[in-house]
Amino acid sequence: ENVQVGMNSRMHAGILGAIFRPPRVKREEAESRDRARELLTYCGLP
């Protein structure tokens, strides 16, 4: 979750997207989790 916080500046959901969570927002959230896992592994925290 800490790493995902760092991704907020690059995400596009906006306030309404965060509230209603359409498919594109859910996709973006899933991608952010995958990317966060990759970064944690890269930084030695697998």
ModelCIF file with pLDDT and N, C-alpha, C, O atoms, coordinates in Angstrom:
data_MODEL
#
_entry.id   MODEL 
#
_entity.id                         1 
_entity.type                       polymer 
_entity.pdbx_number_of_molecules   1 
#
_entity_poly.entity_id                      1 
_entity_poly.type                           'polypeptide(L)' 
_entity_poly.nstd_linkage                   no 
_entity_poly.nstd_monomer                   no 
_entity_poly.pdbx_seq_one_letter_code       ENVQVGMNSRMHAGILGAIFRPPRVKREEAESRDRARELLTYCGLP 
_entity_poly.pdbx_seq_one_letter_code_can   ENVQVGMNSRMHAGILGAIFRPPRVKREEAESRDRARELLTYCGLP 
_entity_poly.pdbx_strand_id                 A 
#
loop_
_entity_poly_seq.entity_id 
_entity_poly_seq.num 
_entity_poly_seq.mon_id 
_entity_poly_seq.hetero 
1 1  GLU n 
1 2  ASN n 
1 3  VAL n 
1 4  GLN n 
1 5  VAL n 
1 6  GLY n 
1 7  MET n 
1 8  ASN n 
1 9  SER n 
1 10 ARG n 
1 11 MET n 
1 12 HIS n 
1 13 ALA n 
1 14 GLY n 
1 15 ILE n 
1 16 LEU n 
1 17 GLY n 
1 18 ALA n 
1 19 ILE n 
1 20 PHE n 
1 21 ARG n 
1 22 PRO n 
1 23 PRO n 
1 24 ARG n 
1 25 VAL n 
1 26 LYS n 
1 27 ARG n 
1 28 GLU n 
1 29 GLU n 
1 30 ALA n 
1 31 GLU n 
1 32 SER n 
1 33 ARG n 
1 34 ASP n 
1 35 ARG n 
1 36 ALA n 
1 37 ARG n 
1 38 GLU n 
1 39 LEU n 
1 40 LEU n 
1 41 THR n 
1 42 TYR n 
1 43 CYS n 
1 44 GLY n 
1 45 LEU n 
1 46 PRO n 
#
_struct_asym.id          A 
_struct_asym.entity_id   1 
#
loop_
_ma_qa_metric.id 
_ma_qa_metric.mode 
_ma_qa_metric.name 
_ma_qa_metric.software_group_id 
_ma_qa_metric.type 
1 global pLDDT . pLDDT 
2 local  pLDDT . pLDDT 
#
_ma_qa_metric_global.metric_id      1 
_ma_qa_metric_global.metric_value   74.33 
_ma_qa_metric_global.model_id       1 
_ma_qa_metric_global.ordinal_id     1 
#
loop_
_ma_qa_metric_local.label_asym_id 
_ma_qa_metric_local.label_comp_id 
_ma_qa_metric_local.label_seq_id 
_ma_qa_metric_local.metric_id 
_ma_qa_metric_local.metric_value 
_ma_qa_metric_local.model_id 
_ma_qa_metric_local.ordinal_id 
A GLU 1  2 91.00 1 1  
A ASN 2  2 90.00 1 2  
A VAL 3  2 91.00 1 3  
A GLN 4  2 88.00 1 4  
A VAL 5  2 86.00 1 5  
A GLY 6  2 81.00 1 6  
A MET 7  2 79.00 1 7  
A ASN 8  2 72.00 1 8  
A SER 9  2 63.00 1 9  
A ARG 10 2 54.00 1 10 
A MET 11 2 51.00 1 11 
A HIS 12 2 49.00 1 12 
A ALA 13 2 54.00 1 13 
A GLY 14 2 53.00 1 14 
A ILE 15 2 51.00 1 15 
A LEU 16 2 47.00 1 16 
A GLY 17 2 51.00 1 17 
A ALA 18 2 53.00 1 18 
A ILE 19 2 52.00 1 19 
A PHE 20 2 47.00 1 20 
A ARG 21 2 61.00 1 21 
A PRO 22 2 60.00 1 22 
A PRO 23 2 68.00 1 23 
A ARG 24 2 68.00 1 24 
A VAL 25 2 64.00 1 25 
A LYS 26 2 69.00 1 26 
A ARG 27 2 73.00 1 27 
A GLU 28 2 67.00 1 28 
A GLU 29 2 76.00 1 29 
A ALA 30 2 75.00 1 30 
A GLU 31 2 83.00 1 31 
A SER 32 2 81.00 1 32 
A ARG 33 2 87.00 1 33 
A ASP 34 2 86.00 1 34 
A ARG 35 2 89.00 1 35 
A ALA 36 2 90.00 1 36 
A ARG 37 2 91.00 1 37 
A GLU 38 2 93.00 1 38 
A LEU 39 2 93.00 1 39 
A LEU 40 2 94.00 1 40 
A THR 41 2 94.00 1 41 
A TYR 42 2 93.00 1 42 
A CYS 43 2 92.00 1 43 
A GLY 44 2 90.00 1 44 
A LEU 45 2 91.00 1 45 
A PRO 46 2 88.00 1 46 
#
loop_
_atom_site.group_PDB 
_atom_site.id 
_atom_site.type_symbol 
_atom_site.label_atom_id 
_atom_site.label_alt_id 
_atom_site.label_comp_id 
_atom_site.label_asym_id 
_atom_site.label_entity_id 
_atom_site.label_seq_id 
_atom_site.pdbx_PDB_ins_code 
_atom_site.Cartn_x 
_atom_site.Cartn_y 
_atom_site.Cartn_z 
_atom_site.occupancy 
_atom_site.B_iso_or_equiv 
_atom_site.pdbx_formal_charge 
_atom_site.auth_seq_id 
_atom_site.auth_comp_id 
_atom_site.auth_asym_id 
_atom_site.auth_atom_id 
_atom_site.pdbx_PDB_model_num 
ATOM 1   N N  . GLU A 1 1  ? 0.822   -1.209  0.000   1.00 91.00 ? 1  GLU A N  1 
ATOM 2   C CA . GLU A 1 1  ? 0.000   0.000   0.000   1.00 91.00 ? 1  GLU A CA 1 
ATOM 3   C C  . GLU A 1 1  ? 0.857   1.260   0.000   1.00 91.00 ? 1  GLU A C  1 
ATOM 4   O O  . GLU A 1 1  ? 0.500   2.251   -0.637  1.00 91.00 ? 1  GLU A O  1 
ATOM 5   N N  . ASN A 1 2  ? 1.985   1.230   0.710   1.00 90.00 ? 2  ASN A N  1 
ATOM 6   C CA . ASN A 1 2  ? 2.887   2.378   0.710   1.00 90.00 ? 2  ASN A CA 1 
ATOM 7   C C  . ASN A 1 2  ? 3.400   2.677   -0.693  1.00 90.00 ? 2  ASN A C  1 
ATOM 8   O O  . ASN A 1 2  ? 3.474   3.835   -1.102  1.00 90.00 ? 2  ASN A O  1 
ATOM 9   N N  . VAL A 1 3  ? 3.754   1.622   -1.426  1.00 91.00 ? 3  VAL A N  1 
ATOM 10  C CA . VAL A 1 3  ? 4.243   1.823   -2.794  1.00 91.00 ? 3  VAL A CA 1 
ATOM 11  C C  . VAL A 1 3  ? 3.120   2.333   -3.692  1.00 91.00 ? 3  VAL A C  1 
ATOM 12  O O  . VAL A 1 3  ? 3.356   3.175   -4.558  1.00 91.00 ? 3  VAL A O  1 
ATOM 13  N N  . GLN A 1 4  ? 1.909   1.833   -3.497  1.00 88.00 ? 4  GLN A N  1 
ATOM 14  C CA . GLN A 1 4  ? 0.775   2.298   -4.302  1.00 88.00 ? 4  GLN A CA 1 
ATOM 15  C C  . GLN A 1 4  ? 0.495   3.777   -4.073  1.00 88.00 ? 4  GLN A C  1 
ATOM 16  O O  . GLN A 1 4  ? 0.069   4.482   -4.988  1.00 88.00 ? 4  GLN A O  1 
ATOM 17  N N  . VAL A 1 5  ? 0.736   4.249   -2.848  1.00 86.00 ? 5  VAL A N  1 
ATOM 18  C CA . VAL A 1 5  ? 0.577   5.687   -2.577  1.00 86.00 ? 5  VAL A CA 1 
ATOM 19  C C  . VAL A 1 5  ? 1.479   6.496   -3.503  1.00 86.00 ? 5  VAL A C  1 
ATOM 20  O O  . VAL A 1 5  ? 1.081   7.546   -4.008  1.00 86.00 ? 5  VAL A O  1 
ATOM 21  N N  . GLY A 1 6  ? 2.701   5.999   -3.723  1.00 81.00 ? 6  GLY A N  1 
ATOM 22  C CA . GLY A 1 6  ? 3.625   6.701   -4.612  1.00 81.00 ? 6  GLY A CA 1 
ATOM 23  C C  . GLY A 1 6  ? 3.151   6.771   -6.047  1.00 81.00 ? 6  GLY A C  1 
ATOM 24  O O  . GLY A 1 6  ? 3.597   7.627   -6.810  1.00 81.00 ? 6  GLY A O  1 
ATOM 25  N N  . MET A 1 7  ? 2.246   5.871   -6.422  1.00 79.00 ? 7  MET A N  1 
ATOM 26  C CA . MET A 1 7  ? 1.744   5.839   -7.797  1.00 79.00 ? 7  MET A CA 1 
ATOM 27  C C  . MET A 1 7  ? 0.598   6.808   -8.048  1.00 79.00 ? 7  MET A C  1 
ATOM 28  O O  . MET A 1 7  ? 0.202   7.018   -9.195  1.00 79.00 ? 7  MET A O  1 
ATOM 29  N N  . ASN A 1 8  ? 0.061   7.405   -6.977  1.00 72.00 ? 8  ASN A N  1 
ATOM 30  C CA . ASN A 1 8  ? -1.141  8.239   -7.125  1.00 72.00 ? 8  ASN A CA 1 
ATOM 31  C C  . ASN A 1 8  ? -0.968  9.360   -8.138  1.00 72.00 ? 8  ASN A C  1 
ATOM 32  O O  . ASN A 1 8  ? -1.906  9.709   -8.854  1.00 72.00 ? 8  ASN A O  1 
ATOM 33  N N  . SER A 1 9  ? 0.245   9.929   -8.195  1.00 63.00 ? 9  SER A N  1 
ATOM 34  C CA . SER A 1 9  ? 0.460   11.050  -9.108  1.00 63.00 ? 9  SER A CA 1 
ATOM 35  C C  . SER A 1 9  ? 0.381   10.629  -10.573 1.00 63.00 ? 9  SER A C  1 
ATOM 36  O O  . SER A 1 9  ? 0.246   11.478  -11.455 1.00 63.00 ? 9  SER A O  1 
ATOM 37  N N  . ARG A 1 10 ? 0.465   9.304   -10.844 1.00 54.00 ? 10 ARG A N  1 
ATOM 38  C CA . ARG A 1 10 ? 0.428   8.802   -12.226 1.00 54.00 ? 10 ARG A CA 1 
ATOM 39  C C  . ARG A 1 10 ? -0.904  8.140   -12.581 1.00 54.00 ? 10 ARG A C  1 
ATOM 40  O O  . ARG A 1 10 ? -1.084  7.664   -13.701 1.00 54.00 ? 10 ARG A O  1 
ATOM 41  N N  . MET A 1 11 ? -1.839  8.111   -11.619 1.00 51.00 ? 11 MET A N  1 
ATOM 42  C CA . MET A 1 11 ? -3.108  7.422   -11.869 1.00 51.00 ? 11 MET A CA 1 
ATOM 43  C C  . MET A 1 11 ? -4.186  8.407   -12.323 1.00 51.00 ? 11 MET A C  1 
ATOM 44  O O  . MET A 1 11 ? -4.068  9.614   -12.115 1.00 51.00 ? 11 MET A O  1 
ATOM 45  N N  . HIS A 1 12 ? -5.237  7.871   -12.946 1.00 49.00 ? 12 HIS A N  1 
ATOM 46  C CA . HIS A 1 12 ? -6.202  8.733   -13.642 1.00 49.00 ? 12 HIS A CA 1 
ATOM 47  C C  . HIS A 1 12 ? -7.642  8.584   -13.153 1.00 49.00 ? 12 HIS A C  1 
ATOM 48  O O  . HIS A 1 12 ? -8.563  9.090   -13.795 1.00 49.00 ? 12 HIS A O  1 
ATOM 49  N N  . ALA A 1 13 ? -7.850  7.906   -12.040 1.00 54.00 ? 13 ALA A N  1 
ATOM 50  C CA . ALA A 1 13 ? -9.216  7.594   -11.609 1.00 54.00 ? 13 ALA A CA 1 
ATOM 51  C C  . ALA A 1 13 ? -10.031 8.842   -11.293 1.00 54.00 ? 13 ALA A C  1 
ATOM 52  O O  . ALA A 1 13 ? -11.182 8.948   -11.718 1.00 54.00 ? 13 ALA A O  1 
ATOM 53  N N  . GLY A 1 14 ? -9.455  9.789   -10.554 1.00 53.00 ? 14 GLY A N  1 
ATOM 54  C CA . GLY A 1 14 ? -10.202 10.963  -10.138 1.00 53.00 ? 14 GLY A CA 1 
ATOM 55  C C  . GLY A 1 14 ? -11.184 10.619  -9.020  1.00 53.00 ? 14 GLY A C  1 
ATOM 56  O O  . GLY A 1 14 ? -11.307 9.461   -8.622  1.00 53.00 ? 14 GLY A O  1 
ATOM 57  N N  . ILE A 1 15 ? -11.878 11.637  -8.522  1.00 51.00 ? 15 ILE A N  1 
ATOM 58  C CA . ILE A 1 15 ? -12.785 11.445  -7.387  1.00 51.00 ? 15 ILE A CA 1 
ATOM 59  C C  . ILE A 1 15 ? -13.968 10.550  -7.763  1.00 51.00 ? 15 ILE A C  1 
ATOM 60  O O  . ILE A 1 15 ? -14.292 9.608   -7.039  1.00 51.00 ? 15 ILE A O  1 
ATOM 61  N N  . LEU A 1 16 ? -14.608 10.845  -8.894  1.00 47.00 ? 16 LEU A N  1 
ATOM 62  C CA . LEU A 1 16 ? -15.777 10.052  -9.292  1.00 47.00 ? 16 LEU A CA 1 
ATOM 63  C C  . LEU A 1 16 ? -15.394 8.601   -9.583  1.00 47.00 ? 16 LEU A C  1 
ATOM 64  O O  . LEU A 1 16 ? -16.126 7.674   -9.235  1.00 47.00 ? 16 LEU A O  1 
ATOM 65  N N  . GLY A 1 17 ? -14.248 8.418   -10.221 1.00 51.00 ? 17 GLY A N  1 
ATOM 66  C CA . GLY A 1 17 ? -13.785 7.057   -10.499 1.00 51.00 ? 17 GLY A CA 1 
ATOM 67  C C  . GLY A 1 17 ? -13.535 6.271   -9.226  1.00 51.00 ? 17 GLY A C  1 
ATOM 68  O O  . GLY A 1 17 ? -13.840 5.081   -9.150  1.00 51.00 ? 17 GLY A O  1 
ATOM 69  N N  . ALA A 1 18 ? -12.967 6.954   -8.209  1.00 53.00 ? 18 ALA A N  1 
ATOM 70  C CA . ALA A 1 18 ? -12.705 6.283   -6.940  1.00 53.00 ? 18 ALA A CA 1 
ATOM 71  C C  . ALA A 1 18 ? -14.003 5.900   -6.228  1.00 53.00 ? 18 ALA A C  1 
ATOM 72  O O  . ALA A 1 18 ? -14.054 4.898   -5.514  1.00 53.00 ? 18 ALA A O  1 
ATOM 73  N N  . ILE A 1 19 ? -15.056 6.710   -6.427  1.00 52.00 ? 19 ILE A N  1 
ATOM 74  C CA . ILE A 1 19 ? -16.337 6.428   -5.770  1.00 52.00 ? 19 ILE A CA 1 
ATOM 75  C C  . ILE A 1 19 ? -17.086 5.303   -6.479  1.00 52.00 ? 19 ILE A C  1 
ATOM 76  O O  . ILE A 1 19 ? -17.532 4.351   -5.838  1.00 52.00 ? 19 ILE A O  1 
ATOM 77  N N  . PHE A 1 20 ? -17.227 5.413   -7.818  1.00 47.00 ? 20 PHE A N  1 
ATOM 78  C CA . PHE A 1 20 ? -18.064 4.470   -8.560  1.00 47.00 ? 20 PHE A CA 1 
ATOM 79  C C  . PHE A 1 20 ? -17.291 3.264   -9.100  1.00 47.00 ? 20 PHE A C  1 
ATOM 80  O O  . PHE A 1 20 ? -17.892 2.238   -9.417  1.00 47.00 ? 20 PHE A O  1 
ATOM 81  N N  . ARG A 1 21 ? -15.974 3.379   -9.204  1.00 61.00 ? 21 ARG A N  1 
ATOM 82  C CA . ARG A 1 21 ? -15.081 2.288   -9.586  1.00 61.00 ? 21 ARG A CA 1 
ATOM 83  C C  . ARG A 1 21 ? -15.538 1.527   -10.826 1.00 61.00 ? 21 ARG A C  1 
ATOM 84  O O  . ARG A 1 21 ? -15.841 0.336   -10.752 1.00 61.00 ? 21 ARG A O  1 
ATOM 85  N N  . PRO A 1 22 ? -15.588 2.215   -11.965 1.00 60.00 ? 22 PRO A N  1 
ATOM 86  C CA . PRO A 1 22 ? -15.909 1.525   -13.217 1.00 60.00 ? 22 PRO A CA 1 
ATOM 87  C C  . PRO A 1 22 ? -14.784 0.570   -13.600 1.00 60.00 ? 22 PRO A C  1 
ATOM 88  O O  . PRO A 1 22 ? -13.725 0.585   -12.972 1.00 60.00 ? 22 PRO A O  1 
ATOM 89  N N  . PRO A 1 23 ? -14.998 -0.276  -14.638 1.00 68.00 ? 23 PRO A N  1 
ATOM 90  C CA . PRO A 1 23 ? -13.985 -1.281  -15.012 1.00 68.00 ? 23 PRO A CA 1 
ATOM 91  C C  . PRO A 1 23 ? -12.597 -0.707  -15.263 1.00 68.00 ? 23 PRO A C  1 
ATOM 92  O O  . PRO A 1 23 ? -11.602 -1.326  -14.886 1.00 68.00 ? 23 PRO A O  1 
ATOM 93  N N  . ARG A 1 24 ? -12.508 0.453   -15.886 1.00 68.00 ? 24 ARG A N  1 
ATOM 94  C CA . ARG A 1 24 ? -11.187 1.020   -16.179 1.00 68.00 ? 24 ARG A CA 1 
ATOM 95  C C  . ARG A 1 24 ? -10.428 1.349   -14.891 1.00 68.00 ? 24 ARG A C  1 
ATOM 96  O O  . ARG A 1 24 ? -9.205  1.217   -14.837 1.00 68.00 ? 24 ARG A O  1 
ATOM 97  N N  . VAL A 1 25 ? -11.161 1.782   -13.848 1.00 64.00 ? 25 VAL A N  1 
ATOM 98  C CA . VAL A 1 25 ? -10.517 2.085   -12.572 1.00 64.00 ? 25 VAL A CA 1 
ATOM 99  C C  . VAL A 1 25 ? -10.053 0.801   -11.894 1.00 64.00 ? 25 VAL A C  1 
ATOM 100 O O  . VAL A 1 25 ? -8.957  0.753   -11.336 1.00 64.00 ? 25 VAL A O  1 
ATOM 101 N N  . LYS A 1 26 ? -10.887 -0.240  -11.942 1.00 69.00 ? 26 LYS A N  1 
ATOM 102 C CA . LYS A 1 26 ? -10.501 -1.522  -11.360 1.00 69.00 ? 26 LYS A CA 1 
ATOM 103 C C  . LYS A 1 26 ? -9.273  -2.088  -12.057 1.00 69.00 ? 26 LYS A C  1 
ATOM 104 O O  . LYS A 1 26 ? -8.397  -2.676  -11.424 1.00 69.00 ? 26 LYS A O  1 
ATOM 105 N N  . ARG A 1 27 ? -9.224  -1.896  -13.400 1.00 73.00 ? 27 ARG A N  1 
ATOM 106 C CA . ARG A 1 27 ? -8.057  -2.346  -14.161 1.00 73.00 ? 27 ARG A CA 1 
ATOM 107 C C  . ARG A 1 27 ? -6.805  -1.601  -13.706 1.00 73.00 ? 27 ARG A C  1 
ATOM 108 O O  . ARG A 1 27 ? -5.750  -2.201  -13.496 1.00 73.00 ? 27 ARG A O  1 
ATOM 109 N N  . GLU A 1 28 ? -6.939  -0.290  -13.558 1.00 67.00 ? 28 GLU A N  1 
ATOM 110 C CA . GLU A 1 28 ? -5.801  0.530   -13.145 1.00 67.00 ? 28 GLU A CA 1 
ATOM 111 C C  . GLU A 1 28 ? -5.328  0.140   -11.749 1.00 67.00 ? 28 GLU A C  1 
ATOM 112 O O  . GLU A 1 28 ? -4.125  0.106   -11.489 1.00 67.00 ? 28 GLU A O  1 
ATOM 113 N N  . GLU A 1 29 ? -6.261  -0.154  -10.854 1.00 76.00 ? 29 GLU A N  1 
ATOM 114 C CA . GLU A 1 29 ? -5.888  -0.576  -9.503  1.00 76.00 ? 29 GLU A CA 1 
ATOM 115 C C  . GLU A 1 29 ? -5.141  -1.907  -9.526  1.00 76.00 ? 29 GLU A C  1 
ATOM 116 O O  . GLU A 1 29 ? -4.151  -2.079  -8.814  1.00 76.00 ? 29 GLU A O  1 
ATOM 117 N N  . ALA A 1 30 ? -5.618  -2.851  -10.348 1.00 75.00 ? 30 ALA A N  1 
ATOM 118 C CA . ALA A 1 30 ? -4.942  -4.151  -10.456 1.00 75.00 ? 30 ALA A CA 1 
ATOM 119 C C  . ALA A 1 30 ? -3.538  -3.982  -11.024 1.00 75.00 ? 30 ALA A C  1 
ATOM 120 O O  . ALA A 1 30 ? -2.593  -4.624  -10.567 1.00 75.00 ? 30 ALA A O  1 
ATOM 121 N N  . GLU A 1 31 ? -3.412  -3.112  -12.025 1.00 83.00 ? 31 GLU A N  1 
ATOM 122 C CA . GLU A 1 31 ? -2.098  -2.859  -12.616 1.00 83.00 ? 31 GLU A CA 1 
ATOM 123 C C  . GLU A 1 31 ? -1.158  -2.212  -11.602 1.00 83.00 ? 31 GLU A C  1 
ATOM 124 O O  . GLU A 1 31 ? 0.036   -2.509  -11.575 1.00 83.00 ? 31 GLU A O  1 
ATOM 125 N N  . SER A 1 32 ? -1.710  -1.319  -10.762 1.00 81.00 ? 32 SER A N  1 
ATOM 126 C CA . SER A 1 32 ? -0.872  -0.663  -9.751  1.00 81.00 ? 32 SER A CA 1 
ATOM 127 C C  . SER A 1 32 ? -0.373  -1.662  -8.720  1.00 81.00 ? 32 SER A C  1 
ATOM 128 O O  . SER A 1 32 ? 0.765   -1.564  -8.261  1.00 81.00 ? 32 SER A O  1 
ATOM 129 N N  . ARG A 1 33 ? -1.222  -2.631  -8.349  1.00 87.00 ? 33 ARG A N  1 
ATOM 130 C CA . ARG A 1 33 ? -0.782  -3.663  -7.403  1.00 87.00 ? 33 ARG A CA 1 
ATOM 131 C C  . ARG A 1 33 ? 0.334   -4.514  -7.998  1.00 87.00 ? 33 ARG A C  1 
ATOM 132 O O  . ARG A 1 33 ? 1.312   -4.832  -7.321  1.00 87.00 ? 33 ARG A O  1 
ATOM 133 N N  . ASP A 1 34 ? 0.181   -4.880  -9.274  1.00 86.00 ? 34 ASP A N  1 
ATOM 134 C CA . ASP A 1 34 ? 1.219   -5.674  -9.940  1.00 86.00 ? 34 ASP A CA 1 
ATOM 135 C C  . ASP A 1 34 ? 2.530   -4.894  -10.014 1.00 86.00 ? 34 ASP A C  1 
ATOM 136 O O  . ASP A 1 34 ? 3.605   -5.436  -9.757  1.00 86.00 ? 34 ASP A O  1 
ATOM 137 N N  . ARG A 1 35 ? 2.424   -3.631  -10.363 1.00 89.00 ? 35 ARG A N  1 
ATOM 138 C CA . ARG A 1 35 ? 3.618   -2.787  -10.473 1.00 89.00 ? 35 ARG A CA 1 
ATOM 139 C C  . ARG A 1 35 ? 4.277   -2.607  -9.104  1.00 89.00 ? 35 ARG A C  1 
ATOM 140 O O  . ARG A 1 35 ? 5.504   -2.614  -9.000  1.00 89.00 ? 35 ARG A O  1 
ATOM 141 N N  . ALA A 1 36 ? 3.461   -2.446  -8.051  1.00 90.00 ? 36 ALA A N  1 
ATOM 142 C CA . ALA A 1 36 ? 4.002   -2.295  -6.703  1.00 90.00 ? 36 ALA A CA 1 
ATOM 143 C C  . ALA A 1 36 ? 4.755   -3.554  -6.280  1.00 90.00 ? 36 ALA A C  1 
ATOM 144 O O  . ALA A 1 36 ? 5.822   -3.465  -5.673  1.00 90.00 ? 36 ALA A O  1 
ATOM 145 N N  . ARG A 1 37 ? 4.207   -4.720  -6.597  1.00 91.00 ? 37 ARG A N  1 
ATOM 146 C CA . ARG A 1 37 ? 4.895   -5.979  -6.268  1.00 91.00 ? 37 ARG A CA 1 
ATOM 147 C C  . ARG A 1 37 ? 6.245   -6.065  -6.991  1.00 91.00 ? 37 ARG A C  1 
ATOM 148 O O  . ARG A 1 37 ? 7.246   -6.491  -6.415  1.00 91.00 ? 37 ARG A O  1 
ATOM 149 N N  . GLU A 1 38 ? 6.251   -5.653  -8.263  1.00 93.00 ? 38 GLU A N  1 
ATOM 150 C CA . GLU A 1 38 ? 7.499   -5.673  -9.031  1.00 93.00 ? 38 GLU A CA 1 
ATOM 151 C C  . GLU A 1 38 ? 8.550   -4.768  -8.380  1.00 93.00 ? 38 GLU A C  1 
ATOM 152 O O  . GLU A 1 38 ? 9.715   -5.146  -8.261  1.00 93.00 ? 38 GLU A O  1 
ATOM 153 N N  . LEU A 1 39 ? 8.129   -3.574  -7.962  1.00 93.00 ? 39 LEU A N  1 
ATOM 154 C CA . LEU A 1 39 ? 9.072   -2.625  -7.361  1.00 93.00 ? 39 LEU A CA 1 
ATOM 155 C C  . LEU A 1 39 ? 9.588   -3.137  -6.017  1.00 93.00 ? 39 LEU A C  1 
ATOM 156 O O  . LEU A 1 39 ? 10.769  -2.984  -5.705  1.00 93.00 ? 39 LEU A O  1 
ATOM 157 N N  . LEU A 1 40 ? 8.711   -3.740  -5.226  1.00 94.00 ? 40 LEU A N  1 
ATOM 158 C CA . LEU A 1 40 ? 9.148   -4.289  -3.943  1.00 94.00 ? 40 LEU A CA 1 
ATOM 159 C C  . LEU A 1 40 ? 10.175  -5.404  -4.159  1.00 94.00 ? 40 LEU A C  1 
ATOM 160 O O  . LEU A 1 40 ? 11.176  -5.479  -3.446  1.00 94.00 ? 40 LEU A O  1 
ATOM 161 N N  . THR A 1 41 ? 9.923   -6.260  -5.136  1.00 94.00 ? 41 THR A N  1 
ATOM 162 C CA . THR A 1 41 ? 10.879  -7.322  -5.450  1.00 94.00 ? 41 THR A CA 1 
ATOM 163 C C  . THR A 1 41 ? 12.193  -6.730  -5.934  1.00 94.00 ? 41 THR A C  1 
ATOM 164 O O  . THR A 1 41 ? 13.265  -7.173  -5.522  1.00 94.00 ? 41 THR A O  1 
ATOM 165 N N  . TYR A 1 42 ? 12.117  -5.732  -6.806  1.00 93.00 ? 42 TYR A N  1 
ATOM 166 C CA . TYR A 1 42 ? 13.314  -5.076  -7.336  1.00 93.00 ? 42 TYR A CA 1 
ATOM 167 C C  . TYR A 1 42 ? 14.149  -4.455  -6.215  1.00 93.00 ? 42 TYR A C  1 
ATOM 168 O O  . TYR A 1 42 ? 15.379  -4.480  -6.253  1.00 93.00 ? 42 TYR A O  1 
ATOM 169 N N  . CYS A 1 43 ? 13.459  -3.896  -5.215  1.00 92.00 ? 43 CYS A N  1 
ATOM 170 C CA . CYS A 1 43 ? 14.155  -3.222  -4.120  1.00 92.00 ? 43 CYS A CA 1 
ATOM 171 C C  . CYS A 1 43 ? 14.569  -4.170  -3.000  1.00 92.00 ? 43 CYS A C  1 
ATOM 172 O O  . CYS A 1 43 ? 15.002  -3.727  -1.936  1.00 92.00 ? 43 CYS A O  1 
ATOM 173 N N  . GLY A 1 44 ? 14.436  -5.478  -3.238  1.00 90.00 ? 44 GLY A N  1 
ATOM 174 C CA . GLY A 1 44 ? 14.922  -6.455  -2.283  1.00 90.00 ? 44 GLY A CA 1 
ATOM 175 C C  . GLY A 1 44 ? 13.934  -6.842  -1.208  1.00 90.00 ? 44 GLY A C  1 
ATOM 176 O O  . GLY A 1 44 ? 14.328  -7.310  -0.140  1.00 90.00 ? 44 GLY A O  1 
ATOM 177 N N  . LEU A 1 45 ? 12.638  -6.650  -1.480  1.00 91.00 ? 45 LEU A N  1 
ATOM 178 C CA . LEU A 1 45 ? 11.595  -6.982  -0.504  1.00 91.00 ? 45 LEU A CA 1 
ATOM 179 C C  . LEU A 1 45 ? 10.561  -7.935  -1.116  1.00 91.00 ? 45 LEU A C  1 
ATOM 180 O O  . LEU A 1 45 ? 9.368   -7.634  -1.104  1.00 91.00 ? 45 LEU A O  1 
ATOM 181 N N  . PRO A 1 46 ? 11.001  -9.073  -1.649  1.00 88.00 ? 46 PRO A N  1 
ATOM 182 C CA . PRO A 1 46 ? 10.076  -9.931  -2.399  1.00 88.00 ? 46 PRO A CA 1 
ATOM 183 C C  . PRO A 1 46 ? 9.011   -10.606 -1.549  1.00 88.00 ? 46 PRO A C  1 
ATOM 184 O O  . PRO A 1 46 ? 8.181   -11.348 -2.074  1.00 88.00 ? 46 PRO A O  1 
#
